[in-house]
Amino acid sequence: MNITTTIDGTFARISPCGEIDFDTLHPLRAAVDALPLRVTDLQWDLTHTPFMDVAGLRLLFTPTSGPECRVTVTGLRAQPLALLLMAADVNPTVFDLCCLLPDIPPADLRPAAP
């Protein structure tokens, strides 16, 4: 897996290229751990991530280096998005997509399913 990290002041973007699974979790965690303490806004760019299993959920929903660090995701492809939506449907308290995907309205503001 190739991992590109871009840092601009307090903002960091981590862009993995490849699948996120148990085998790639450690290098991705290492990329987060290597971020400077000044980073308060971490964005995962998953444009080049076609597949993510439960390891991806652990990666995205485990607190990062500091409690004040905001984590968001961009570039979601079909399978990783489906996994996130399924996890949020099963346990919306643990898998709060409103924080991770700020463009998605809270569940109580979404129209009811037909």
Protein backbone atom coordinates (compact mmCIF):
# COMPACT_ATOMS: atom_id res chain seq x y z
CA MET A 1 0.00 0.00 0.00
CA ASN A 2 1.21 3.48 -0.84
CA ILE A 3 0.33 6.20 1.67
CA THR A 4 0.72 9.89 0.93
CA THR A 5 0.54 12.41 3.76
CA THR A 6 0.17 16.12 3.10
CA ILE A 7 0.40 18.65 5.92
CA ASP A 8 -0.54 22.32 5.72
CA GLY A 9 -0.41 24.06 9.09
CA THR A 10 -2.97 22.35 11.34
CA PHE A 11 -4.52 20.38 8.45
CA ALA A 12 -3.33 16.95 7.31
CA ARG A 13 -4.57 14.72 4.51
CA ILE A 14 -3.71 11.04 4.40
CA SER A 15 -4.32 9.37 1.03
CA PRO A 16 -3.92 5.59 0.97
CA CYS A 17 -3.75 3.79 -2.35
CA GLY A 18 -5.07 0.26 -2.00
CA GLU A 19 -7.41 -1.74 0.16
CA ILE A 20 -7.84 -1.06 3.88
CA ASP A 21 -7.84 -4.30 5.83
CA PHE A 22 -6.08 -5.91 8.78
CA ASP A 23 -2.77 -6.11 6.87
CA THR A 24 -2.72 -2.40 6.02
CA LEU A 25 -4.06 -1.11 9.34
CA HIS A 26 -0.64 -0.88 11.01
CA PRO A 27 1.03 1.33 8.35
CA LEU A 28 -2.05 3.57 8.26
CA ARG A 29 -1.99 3.92 12.05
CA ALA A 30 1.73 4.70 11.81
CA ALA A 31 0.93 7.50 9.35
CA VAL A 32 -1.50 8.99 11.88
CA ASP A 33 0.96 8.57 14.75
CA ALA A 34 3.64 10.38 12.72
CA LEU A 35 1.53 13.54 12.37
CA PRO A 36 2.80 16.59 14.22
CA LEU A 37 0.93 17.48 17.40
CA ARG A 38 -0.22 20.76 15.83
CA VAL A 39 -2.55 18.87 13.45
CA THR A 40 -6.17 19.43 14.53
CA ASP A 41 -7.92 18.54 11.26
CA LEU A 42 -7.26 15.14 9.67
CA GLN A 43 -8.84 14.24 6.35
CA TRP A 44 -8.75 10.72 4.94
CA ASP A 45 -8.83 10.84 1.14
CA LEU A 46 -10.14 7.43 0.08
CA THR A 47 -10.31 8.18 -3.65
CA HIS A 48 -7.87 5.32 -4.36
CA THR A 49 -9.36 2.89 -1.83
CA PRO A 50 -11.75 0.49 -3.59
CA PHE A 51 -12.29 -1.80 -0.58
CA MET A 52 -12.41 -1.40 3.19
CA ASP A 53 -13.29 -3.99 5.82
CA VAL A 54 -13.90 -3.64 9.55
CA ALA A 55 -10.27 -2.53 9.98
CA GLY A 56 -11.25 0.65 8.14
CA LEU A 57 -13.99 1.27 10.70
CA ARG A 58 -11.45 0.91 13.48
CA LEU A 59 -9.13 3.30 11.67
CA LEU A 60 -11.74 5.99 11.07
CA PHE A 61 -13.55 5.80 14.40
CA THR A 62 -10.66 5.30 16.83
CA PRO A 63 -9.54 8.61 18.33
CA THR A 64 -6.47 10.04 16.68
CA SER A 65 -3.46 11.70 18.29
CA GLY A 66 -5.44 14.29 20.26
CA PRO A 67 -8.99 14.65 21.53
CA GLU A 68 -9.33 17.94 19.66
CA CYS A 69 -8.48 16.41 16.27
CA ARG A 70 -11.39 16.51 13.80
CA VAL A 71 -11.48 13.56 11.41
CA THR A 72 -13.30 13.64 8.07
CA VAL A 73 -13.38 11.46 4.96
CA THR A 74 -13.51 12.40 1.30
CA GLY A 75 -13.44 10.46 -1.97
CA LEU A 76 -15.50 7.52 -0.76
CA ARG A 77 -16.07 4.83 -3.35
CA ALA A 78 -19.12 2.54 -3.40
CA GLN A 79 -17.95 -0.32 -1.16
CA PRO A 80 -16.36 1.77 1.63
CA LEU A 81 -19.41 4.05 1.64
CA ALA A 82 -21.76 1.05 1.85
CA LEU A 83 -19.76 -0.31 4.81
CA LEU A 84 -19.95 3.04 6.62
CA LEU A 85 -23.69 3.33 6.01
CA MET A 86 -24.29 -0.22 7.21
CA ALA A 87 -22.23 0.35 10.38
CA ALA A 88 -24.10 3.59 11.09
CA ASP A 89 -27.42 1.85 10.55
CA VAL A 90 -26.51 -0.94 13.00
CA ASN A 91 -25.02 1.33 15.67
CA PRO A 92 -25.46 5.07 14.95
CA THR A 93 -24.07 6.10 18.33
CA VAL A 94 -20.70 4.44 17.76
CA PHE A 95 -20.52 5.13 14.02
CA ASP A 96 -21.65 8.75 13.86
CA LEU A 97 -21.33 9.73 10.21
CA CYS A 98 -22.30 13.35 10.91
CA CYS A 99 -18.82 13.92 12.30
CA LEU A 100 -16.95 11.85 9.74
CA LEU A 101 -18.97 13.00 6.72
CA PRO A 102 -19.99 16.56 7.58
CA ASP A 103 -22.09 16.92 4.42
CA ILE A 104 -24.56 14.22 5.57
CA PRO A 105 -27.40 15.63 7.70
CA PRO A 106 -28.19 14.00 11.08
CA ALA A 107 -30.62 11.06 10.94
CA ASP A 108 -33.43 13.04 12.58
CA LEU A 109 -33.24 15.63 9.77
CA ARG A 110 -33.26 13.13 6.88
CA PRO A 111 -36.57 12.30 5.18
CA ALA A 112 -38.08 8.99 6.23
CA ALA A 113 -37.55 6.03 3.92
CA PRO A 114 -40.59 5.25 1.73
